[in-house]
């Protein structure tokens, strides 16, 4: 089932490279997740990097983005963007 980014109110922004085509629920993406103060990380997400006590990065499927949206522990999420190469 395709993901409708407009339904994800906790998603801060969608890079143009991701919104330009329909994505399947099984495709993976890297996200930054910010938890609400005092909340615990959702058990279905394994962090890649813990940035602060409330912010971490993770690689998840687009389908799990909907689970994050519904999780009351999650304050917001952002999709990673490719950084330009440094010369």
PDB file of N, CA and C in Angstrom:
ATOM      1  N   UNK A   1       0.848  -1.179   0.000  1.00  0.00           N
ATOM      2  CA  UNK A   1       0.000   0.000   0.000  1.00  0.00           C
ATOM      3  C   UNK A   1       0.888   1.235   0.000  1.00  0.00           C
ATOM      4  N   UNK A   2       0.642   2.197  -0.888  1.00  0.00           N
ATOM      5  CA  UNK A   2       1.463   3.399  -0.932  1.00  0.00           C
ATOM      6  C   UNK A   2       1.264   4.259   0.316  1.00  0.00           C
ATOM      7  N   UNK A   3       2.310   4.985   0.674  1.00  0.00           N
ATOM      8  CA  UNK A   3       2.274   5.847   1.850  1.00  0.00           C
ATOM      9  C   UNK A   3       1.843   7.250   1.427  1.00  0.00           C
ATOM     10  N   UNK A   4       0.871   7.811   2.140  1.00  0.00           N
ATOM     11  CA  UNK A   4       0.416   9.174   1.902  1.00  0.00           C
ATOM     12  C   UNK A   4       1.095  10.069   2.931  1.00  0.00           C
ATOM     13  N   UNK A   5       2.110  10.822   2.508  1.00  0.00           N
ATOM     14  CA  UNK A   5       2.857  11.662   3.436  1.00  0.00           C
ATOM     15  C   UNK A   5       1.968  12.695   4.122  1.00  0.00           C
ATOM     16  N   UNK A   6       0.887  13.110   3.493  1.00  0.00           N
ATOM     17  CA  UNK A   6      -0.003  14.109   4.082  1.00  0.00           C
ATOM     18  C   UNK A   6      -0.702  13.587   5.336  1.00  0.00           C
ATOM     19  N   UNK A   7      -0.770  12.274   5.488  1.00  0.00           N
ATOM     20  CA  UNK A   7      -1.428  11.698   6.665  1.00  0.00           C
ATOM     21  C   UNK A   7      -0.504  11.651   7.881  1.00  0.00           C
ATOM     22  N   UNK A   8       0.780  11.944   7.693  1.00  0.00           N
ATOM     23  CA  UNK A   8       1.760  11.880   8.781  1.00  0.00           C
ATOM     24  C   UNK A   8       1.975  13.279   9.354  1.00  0.00           C
ATOM     25  N   UNK A   9       1.232  13.635  10.379  1.00  0.00           N
ATOM     26  CA  UNK A   9       1.277  14.976  10.947  1.00  0.00           C
ATOM     27  C   UNK A   9       2.527  15.211  11.787  1.00  0.00           C
ATOM     28  N   UNK A  10       3.174  14.164  12.268  1.00  0.00           N
ATOM     29  CA  UNK A  10       4.399  14.310  13.049  1.00  0.00           C
ATOM     30  C   UNK A  10       5.628  14.450  12.160  1.00  0.00           C
ATOM     31  N   UNK A  11       5.473  14.227  10.871  1.00  0.00           N
ATOM     32  CA  UNK A  11       6.578  14.334   9.931  1.00  0.00           C
ATOM     33  C   UNK A  11       6.852  15.805   9.654  1.00  0.00           C
ATOM     34  N   UNK A  12       8.083  16.244   9.940  1.00  0.00           N
ATOM     35  CA  UNK A  12       8.409  17.665   9.823  1.00  0.00           C
ATOM     36  C   UNK A  12       8.475  18.155   8.385  1.00  0.00           C
ATOM     37  N   UNK A  13       9.082  17.384   7.492  1.00  0.00           N
ATOM     38  CA  UNK A  13       9.147  17.774   6.087  1.00  0.00           C
ATOM     39  C   UNK A  13       9.475  16.553   5.244  1.00  0.00           C
ATOM     40  N   UNK A  14       9.182  16.643   3.968  1.00  0.00           N
ATOM     41  CA  UNK A  14       9.459  15.547   3.044  1.00  0.00           C
ATOM     42  C   UNK A  14      10.399  16.057   1.966  1.00  0.00           C
ATOM     43  N   UNK A  15      11.621  15.498   1.901  1.00  0.00           N
ATOM     44  CA  UNK A  15      12.524  15.917   0.827  1.00  0.00           C
ATOM     45  C   UNK A  15      11.905  15.638  -0.538  1.00  0.00           C
ATOM     46  N   UNK A  16      12.147  16.513  -1.489  1.00  0.00           N
ATOM     47  CA  UNK A  16      11.596  16.356  -2.830  1.00  0.00           C
ATOM     48  C   UNK A  16      11.945  15.031  -3.460  1.00  0.00           C
ATOM     49  N   UNK A  17      13.150  14.529  -3.172  1.00  0.00           N
ATOM     50  CA  UNK A  17      13.573  13.254  -3.753  1.00  0.00           C
ATOM     51  C   UNK A  17      12.721  12.092  -3.281  1.00  0.00           C
ATOM     52  N   UNK A  18      12.116  12.207  -2.101  1.00  0.00           N
ATOM     53  CA  UNK A  18      11.252  11.140  -1.593  1.00  0.00           C
ATOM     54  C   UNK A  18       9.801  11.317  -1.995  1.00  0.00           C
ATOM     55  N   UNK A  19       9.364  12.543  -2.169  1.00  0.00           N
ATOM     56  CA  UNK A  19       7.954  12.772  -2.493  1.00  0.00           C
ATOM     57  C   UNK A  19       7.674  12.699  -3.984  1.00  0.00           C
ATOM     58  N   UNK A  20       8.715  12.558  -4.803  1.00  0.00           N
ATOM     59  CA  UNK A  20       8.522  12.590  -6.247  1.00  0.00           C
ATOM     60  C   UNK A  20       7.907  11.318  -6.811  1.00  0.00           C
ATOM     61  N   UNK A  21       7.921  10.222  -6.048  1.00  0.00           N
ATOM     62  CA  UNK A  21       7.294   8.993  -6.539  1.00  0.00           C
ATOM     63  C   UNK A  21       6.636   8.254  -5.383  1.00  0.00           C
ATOM     64  N   UNK A  22       5.735   7.360  -5.704  1.00  0.00           N
ATOM     65  CA  UNK A  22       5.040   6.565  -4.701  1.00  0.00           C
ATOM     66  C   UNK A  22       6.006   5.566  -4.081  1.00  0.00           C
ATOM     67  N   UNK A  23       5.947   5.416  -2.793  1.00  0.00           N
ATOM     68  CA  UNK A  23       6.810   4.489  -2.058  1.00  0.00           C
ATOM     69  C   UNK A  23       5.976   3.345  -1.509  1.00  0.00           C
ATOM     70  N   UNK A  24       6.571   2.149  -1.488  1.00  0.00           N
ATOM     71  CA  UNK A  24       5.861   1.008  -0.909  1.00  0.00           C
ATOM     72  C   UNK A  24       6.136   0.958   0.592  1.00  0.00           C
ATOM     73  N   UNK A  25       5.276   0.283   1.316  1.00  0.00           N
ATOM     74  CA  UNK A  25       5.408   0.180   2.768  1.00  0.00           C
ATOM     75  C   UNK A  25       6.652  -0.596   3.180  1.00  0.00           C
ATOM     76  N   UNK A  26       7.224  -1.405   2.284  1.00  0.00           N
ATOM     77  CA  UNK A  26       8.387  -2.222   2.620  1.00  0.00           C
ATOM     78  C   UNK A  26       9.723  -1.526   2.361  1.00  0.00           C
ATOM     79  N   UNK A  27       9.714  -0.402   1.664  1.00  0.00           N
ATOM     80  CA  UNK A  27      10.962   0.320   1.398  1.00  0.00           C
ATOM     81  C   UNK A  27      11.511   0.898   2.696  1.00  0.00           C
ATOM     82  N   UNK A  28      12.832   0.934   2.812  1.00  0.00           N
ATOM     83  CA  UNK A  28      13.436   1.477   4.022  1.00  0.00           C
ATOM     84  C   UNK A  28      13.864   2.922   3.822  1.00  0.00           C
ATOM     85  N   UNK A  29      13.927   3.627   4.923  1.00  0.00           N
ATOM     86  CA  UNK A  29      14.331   5.026   4.942  1.00  0.00           C
ATOM     87  C   UNK A  29      14.998   5.290   6.289  1.00  0.00           C
ATOM     88  N   UNK A  30      15.890   6.254   6.311  1.00  0.00           N
ATOM     89  CA  UNK A  30      16.518   6.647   7.569  1.00  0.00           C
ATOM     90  C   UNK A  30      15.780   7.857   8.115  1.00  0.00           C
ATOM     91  N   UNK A  31      15.486   7.809   9.415  1.00  0.00           N
ATOM     92  CA  UNK A  31      14.736   8.890  10.055  1.00  0.00           C
ATOM     93  C   UNK A  31      15.430   9.339  11.334  1.00  0.00           C
ATOM     94  N   UNK A  32      15.144  10.568  11.706  1.00  0.00           N
ATOM     95  CA  UNK A  32      15.476  11.076  13.029  1.00  0.00           C
ATOM     96  C   UNK A  32      14.173  11.137  13.793  1.00  0.00           C
ATOM     97  N   UNK A  33      14.171  10.608  14.998  1.00  0.00           N
ATOM     98  CA  UNK A  33      12.951  10.566  15.805  1.00  0.00           C
ATOM     99  C   UNK A  33      13.186  11.353  17.087  1.00  0.00           C
ATOM    100  N   UNK A  34      12.236  12.215  17.421  1.00  0.00           N
ATOM    101  CA  UNK A  34      12.282  12.958  18.672  1.00  0.00           C
ATOM    102  C   UNK A  34      11.141  12.460  19.556  1.00  0.00           C
ATOM    103  N   UNK A  35      11.496  12.023  20.758  1.00  0.00           N
ATOM    104  CA  UNK A  35      10.504  11.522  21.708  1.00  0.00           C
ATOM    105  C   UNK A  35       9.979  12.650  22.584  1.00  0.00           C
ATOM    106  N   UNK A  36       8.789  12.462  23.107  1.00  0.00           N
ATOM    107  CA  UNK A  36       8.240  13.413  24.075  1.00  0.00           C
ATOM    108  C   UNK A  36       9.052  13.307  25.368  1.00  0.00           C
ATOM    109  N   UNK A  37       9.083  14.369  26.123  1.00  0.00           N
ATOM    110  CA  UNK A  37       9.837  14.399  27.375  1.00  0.00           C
ATOM    111  C   UNK A  37       9.352  13.278  28.297  1.00  0.00           C
ATOM    112  N   UNK A  38      10.290  12.467  28.786  1.00  0.00           N
ATOM    113  CA  UNK A  38       9.977  11.371  29.700  1.00  0.00           C
ATOM    114  C   UNK A  38       9.489  10.096  29.022  1.00  0.00           C
ATOM    115  N   UNK A  39       9.335  10.105  27.703  1.00  0.00           N
ATOM    116  CA  UNK A  39       8.828   8.927  26.988  1.00  0.00           C
ATOM    117  C   UNK A  39       9.957   7.947  26.683  1.00  0.00           C
ATOM    118  N   UNK A  40       9.588   6.696  26.523  1.00  0.00           N
ATOM    119  CA  UNK A  40      10.548   5.651  26.161  1.00  0.00           C
ATOM    120  C   UNK A  40      10.436   5.355  24.670  1.00  0.00           C
ATOM    121  N   UNK A  41      11.559   4.924  24.101  1.00  0.00           N
ATOM    122  CA  UNK A  41      11.619   4.586  22.683  1.00  0.00           C
ATOM    123  C   UNK A  41      10.648   3.445  22.380  1.00  0.00           C
ATOM    124  N   UNK A  42       9.899   3.547  21.275  1.00  0.00           N
ATOM    125  CA  UNK A  42       8.999   2.450  20.881  1.00  0.00           C
ATOM    126  C   UNK A  42       9.794   1.157  20.694  1.00  0.00           C
ATOM    127  N   UNK A  43       9.273   0.058  21.172  1.00  0.00           N
ATOM    128  CA  UNK A  43       9.995  -1.221  21.163  1.00  0.00           C
ATOM    129  C   UNK A  43      10.232  -1.768  19.756  1.00  0.00           C
ATOM    130  N   UNK A  44       9.456  -1.347  18.778  1.00  0.00           N
ATOM    131  CA  UNK A  44       9.613  -1.880  17.424  1.00  0.00           C
ATOM    132  C   UNK A  44      10.693  -1.155  16.623  1.00  0.00           C
ATOM    133  N   UNK A  45      11.334  -0.145  17.207  1.00  0.00           N
ATOM    134  CA  UNK A  45      12.380   0.618  16.526  1.00  0.00           C
ATOM    135  C   UNK A  45      13.727   0.366  17.190  1.00  0.00           C
ATOM    136  N   UNK A  46      14.706  -0.007  16.375  1.00  0.00           N
ATOM    137  CA  UNK A  46      16.075  -0.181  16.864  1.00  0.00           C
ATOM    138  C   UNK A  46      16.888   1.034  16.415  1.00  0.00           C
ATOM    139  N   UNK A  47      17.403   1.816  17.370  1.00  0.00           N
ATOM    140  CA  UNK A  47      18.145   3.015  16.967  1.00  0.00           C
ATOM    141  C   UNK A  47      19.482   2.678  16.312  1.00  0.00           C
ATOM    142  N   UNK A  48      19.865   3.490  15.343  1.00  0.00           N
ATOM    143  CA  UNK A  48      21.193   3.387  14.740  1.00  0.00           C
ATOM    144  C   UNK A  48      22.169   4.183  15.591  1.00  0.00           C
ATOM    145  N   UNK A  49      21.783   5.413  15.907  1.00  0.00           N
ATOM    146  CA  UNK A  49      22.627   6.310  16.695  1.00  0.00           C
ATOM    147  C   UNK A  49      21.759   7.058  17.692  1.00  0.00           C
ATOM    148  N   UNK A  50      22.173   7.066  18.957  1.00  0.00           N
ATOM    149  CA  UNK A  50      21.482   7.845  19.980  1.00  0.00           C
ATOM    150  C   UNK A  50      22.138   9.219  19.994  1.00  0.00           C
ATOM    151  N   UNK A  51      21.403  10.263  19.679  1.00  0.00           N
ATOM    152  CA  UNK A  51      21.964  11.611  19.568  1.00  0.00           C
ATOM    153  C   UNK A  51      21.852  12.344  20.900  1.00  0.00           C
ATOM    154  N   UNK A  52      20.665  12.325  21.494  1.00  0.00           N
ATOM    155  CA  UNK A  52      20.440  12.839  22.846  1.00  0.00           C
ATOM    156  C   UNK A  52      19.537  11.825  23.539  1.00  0.00           C
ATOM    157  N   UNK A  53      19.147  12.116  24.760  1.00  0.00           N
ATOM    158  CA  UNK A  53      18.256  11.177  25.460  1.00  0.00           C
ATOM    159  C   UNK A  53      16.888  11.088  24.794  1.00  0.00           C
ATOM    160  N   UNK A  54      16.526  12.091  23.983  1.00  0.00           N
ATOM    161  CA  UNK A  54      15.218  12.105  23.336  1.00  0.00           C
ATOM    162  C   UNK A  54      15.270  11.993  21.824  1.00  0.00           C
ATOM    163  N   UNK A  55      16.451  12.074  21.214  1.00  0.00           N
ATOM    164  CA  UNK A  55      16.574  12.053  19.755  1.00  0.00           C
ATOM    165  C   UNK A  55      17.503  10.930  19.329  1.00  0.00           C
ATOM    166  N   UNK A  56      17.064  10.160  18.330  1.00  0.00           N
ATOM    167  CA  UNK A  56      17.886   9.083  17.790  1.00  0.00           C
ATOM    168  C   UNK A  56      17.599   8.924  16.302  1.00  0.00           C
ATOM    169  N   UNK A  57      18.540   8.285  15.608  1.00  0.00           N
ATOM    170  CA  UNK A  57      18.322   7.955  14.200  1.00  0.00           C
ATOM    171  C   UNK A  57      17.998   6.473  14.113  1.00  0.00           C
ATOM    172  N   UNK A  58      17.273   6.102  13.071  1.00  0.00           N
ATOM    173  CA  UNK A  58      16.896   4.696  12.871  1.00  0.00           C
ATOM    174  C   UNK A  58      16.644   4.455  11.391  1.00  0.00           C
ATOM    175  N   UNK A  59      16.785   3.207  10.981  1.00  0.00           N
ATOM    176  CA  UNK A  59      16.400   2.809   9.632  1.00  0.00           C
ATOM    177  C   UNK A  59      15.130   1.990   9.778  1.00  0.00           C
ATOM    178  N   UNK A  60      14.065   2.471   9.155  1.00  0.00           N
ATOM    179  CA  UNK A  60      12.757   1.832   9.285  1.00  0.00           C
ATOM    180  C   UNK A  60      12.128   1.682   7.906  1.00  0.00           C
ATOM    181  N   UNK A  61      11.033   0.958   7.849  1.00  0.00           N
ATOM    182  CA  UNK A  61      10.269   0.878   6.604  1.00  0.00           C
ATOM    183  C   UNK A  61       9.271   2.038   6.572  1.00  0.00           C
ATOM    184  N   UNK A  62       8.799   2.360   5.379  1.00  0.00           N
ATOM    185  CA  UNK A  62       7.773   3.392   5.289  1.00  0.00           C
ATOM    186  C   UNK A  62       6.533   2.982   6.074  1.00  0.00           C
ATOM    187  N   UNK A  63       6.253   1.687   6.138  1.00  0.00           N
ATOM    188  CA  UNK A  63       5.123   1.203   6.921  1.00  0.00           C
ATOM    189  C   UNK A  63       5.261   1.524   8.399  1.00  0.00           C
ATOM    190  N   UNK A  64       6.494   1.456   8.919  1.00  0.00           N
ATOM    191  CA  UNK A  64       6.722   1.788  10.326  1.00  0.00           C
ATOM    192  C   UNK A  64       6.561   3.278  10.602  1.00  0.00           C
ATOM    193  N   UNK A  65       6.625   4.101   9.563  1.00  0.00           N
ATOM    194  CA  UNK A  65       6.377   5.534   9.770  1.00  0.00           C
ATOM    195  C   UNK A  65       4.958   5.752  10.275  1.00  0.00           C
ATOM    196  N   UNK A  66       4.031   4.956   9.788  1.00  0.00           N
ATOM    197  CA  UNK A  66       2.653   5.070  10.260  1.00  0.00           C
ATOM    198  C   UNK A  66       2.536   4.627  11.718  1.00  0.00           C
ATOM    199  N   UNK A  67       3.324   3.633  12.106  1.00  0.00           N
ATOM    200  CA  UNK A  67       3.333   3.206  13.511  1.00  0.00           C
ATOM    201  C   UNK A  67       3.913   4.310  14.394  1.00  0.00           C
ATOM    202  N   UNK A  68       4.978   4.982  13.926  1.00  0.00           N
ATOM    203  CA  UNK A  68       5.539   6.095  14.691  1.00  0.00           C
ATOM    204  C   UNK A  68       4.531   7.227  14.817  1.00  0.00           C
ATOM    205  N   UNK A  69       3.803   7.490  13.743  1.00  0.00           N
ATOM    206  CA  UNK A  69       2.783   8.530  13.764  1.00  0.00           C
ATOM    207  C   UNK A  69       1.749   8.260  14.860  1.00  0.00           C
ATOM    208  N   UNK A  70       1.371   7.019  15.027  1.00  0.00           N
ATOM    209  CA  UNK A  70       0.337   6.656  16.006  1.00  0.00           C
ATOM    210  C   UNK A  70       0.879   6.519  17.426  1.00  0.00           C
ATOM    211  N   UNK A  71       2.197   6.447  17.592  1.00  0.00           N
ATOM    212  CA  UNK A  71       2.789   6.211  18.915  1.00  0.00           C
ATOM    213  C   UNK A  71       2.809   7.502  19.725  1.00  0.00           C
ATOM    214  N   UNK A  72       2.182   7.522  20.902  1.00  0.00           N
ATOM    215  CA  UNK A  72       2.143   8.744  21.711  1.00  0.00           C
ATOM    216  C   UNK A  72       3.508   9.163  22.255  1.00  0.00           C
ATOM    217  N   UNK A  73       4.496   8.280  22.261  1.00  0.00           N
ATOM    218  CA  UNK A  73       5.835   8.627  22.742  1.00  0.00           C
ATOM    219  C   UNK A  73       6.595   9.510  21.755  1.00  0.00           C
ATOM    220  N   UNK A  74       6.184   9.489  20.489  1.00  0.00           N
ATOM    221  CA  UNK A  74       6.893  10.214  19.437  1.00  0.00           C
ATOM    222  C   UNK A  74       6.344  11.635  19.313  1.00  0.00           C
ATOM    223  N   UNK A  75       7.260  12.604  19.455  1.00  0.00           N
ATOM    224  CA  UNK A  75       6.871  14.011  19.284  1.00  0.00           C
ATOM    225  C   UNK A  75       6.935  14.405  17.814  1.00  0.00           C
ATOM    226  N   UNK A  76       8.024  14.010  17.130  1.00  0.00           N
ATOM    227  CA  UNK A  76       8.164  14.332  15.713  1.00  0.00           C
ATOM    228  C   UNK A  76       9.170  13.393  15.075  1.00  0.00           C
ATOM    229  N   UNK A  77       9.205  13.415  13.737  1.00  0.00           N
ATOM    230  CA  UNK A  77      10.172  12.618  12.988  1.00  0.00           C
ATOM    231  C   UNK A  77      10.547  13.385  11.728  1.00  0.00           C
ATOM    232  N   UNK A  78      11.762  13.140  11.268  1.00  0.00           N
ATOM    233  CA  UNK A  78      12.268  13.785  10.058  1.00  0.00           C
ATOM    234  C   UNK A  78      12.943  12.733   9.201  1.00  0.00           C
ATOM    235  N   UNK A  79      12.742  12.829   7.908  1.00  0.00           N
ATOM    236  CA  UNK A  79      13.435  11.931   6.983  1.00  0.00           C
ATOM    237  C   UNK A  79      14.826  12.479   6.718  1.00  0.00           C
ATOM    238  N   UNK A  80      15.807  11.593   6.734  1.00  0.00           N
ATOM    239  CA  UNK A  80      17.172  11.999   6.408  1.00  0.00           C
ATOM    240  C   UNK A  80      17.249  12.508   4.986  1.00  0.00           C
ATOM    241  N   UNK A  81      18.104  13.464   4.759  1.00  0.00           N
ATOM    242  CA  UNK A  81      18.346  14.000   3.427  1.00  0.00           C
ATOM    243  C   UNK A  81      19.789  13.763   3.072  1.00  0.00           C
ATOM    244  N   UNK A  82      20.037  13.504   1.800  1.00  0.00           N
ATOM    245  CA  UNK A  82      21.420  13.340   1.344  1.00  0.00           C
ATOM    246  C   UNK A  82      22.122  14.683   1.408  1.00  0.00           C
ATOM    247  N   UNK A  83      23.326  14.652   1.959  1.00  0.00           N
ATOM    248  CA  UNK A  83      24.135  15.845   2.012  1.00  0.00           C
ATOM    249  C   UNK A  83      24.957  15.941   0.735  1.00  0.00           C
ATOM    250  N   UNK A  84      25.174  17.141   0.234  1.00  0.00           N
ATOM    251  CA  UNK A  84      25.998  17.265  -0.971  1.00  0.00           C
ATOM    252  C   UNK A  84      27.439  16.883  -0.667  1.00  0.00           C
ATOM    253  N   UNK A  85      28.121  16.396  -1.676  1.00  0.00           N
ATOM    254  CA  UNK A  85      29.512  16.015  -1.503  1.00  0.00           C
ATOM    255  C   UNK A  85      30.382  17.226  -1.221  1.00  0.00           C
ATOM    256  N   UNK A  86      31.400  17.037  -0.411  1.00  0.00           N
ATOM    257  CA  UNK A  86      32.327  18.118  -0.073  1.00  0.00           C
ATOM    258  C   UNK A  86      33.572  17.953  -0.926  1.00  0.00           C
ATOM    259  N   UNK A  87      33.961  19.005  -1.589  1.00  0.00           N
ATOM    260  CA  UNK A  87      35.129  18.948  -2.462  1.00  0.00           C
ATOM    261  C   UNK A  87      36.323  19.590  -1.815  1.00  0.00           C
TER     262      UNK A  87
END
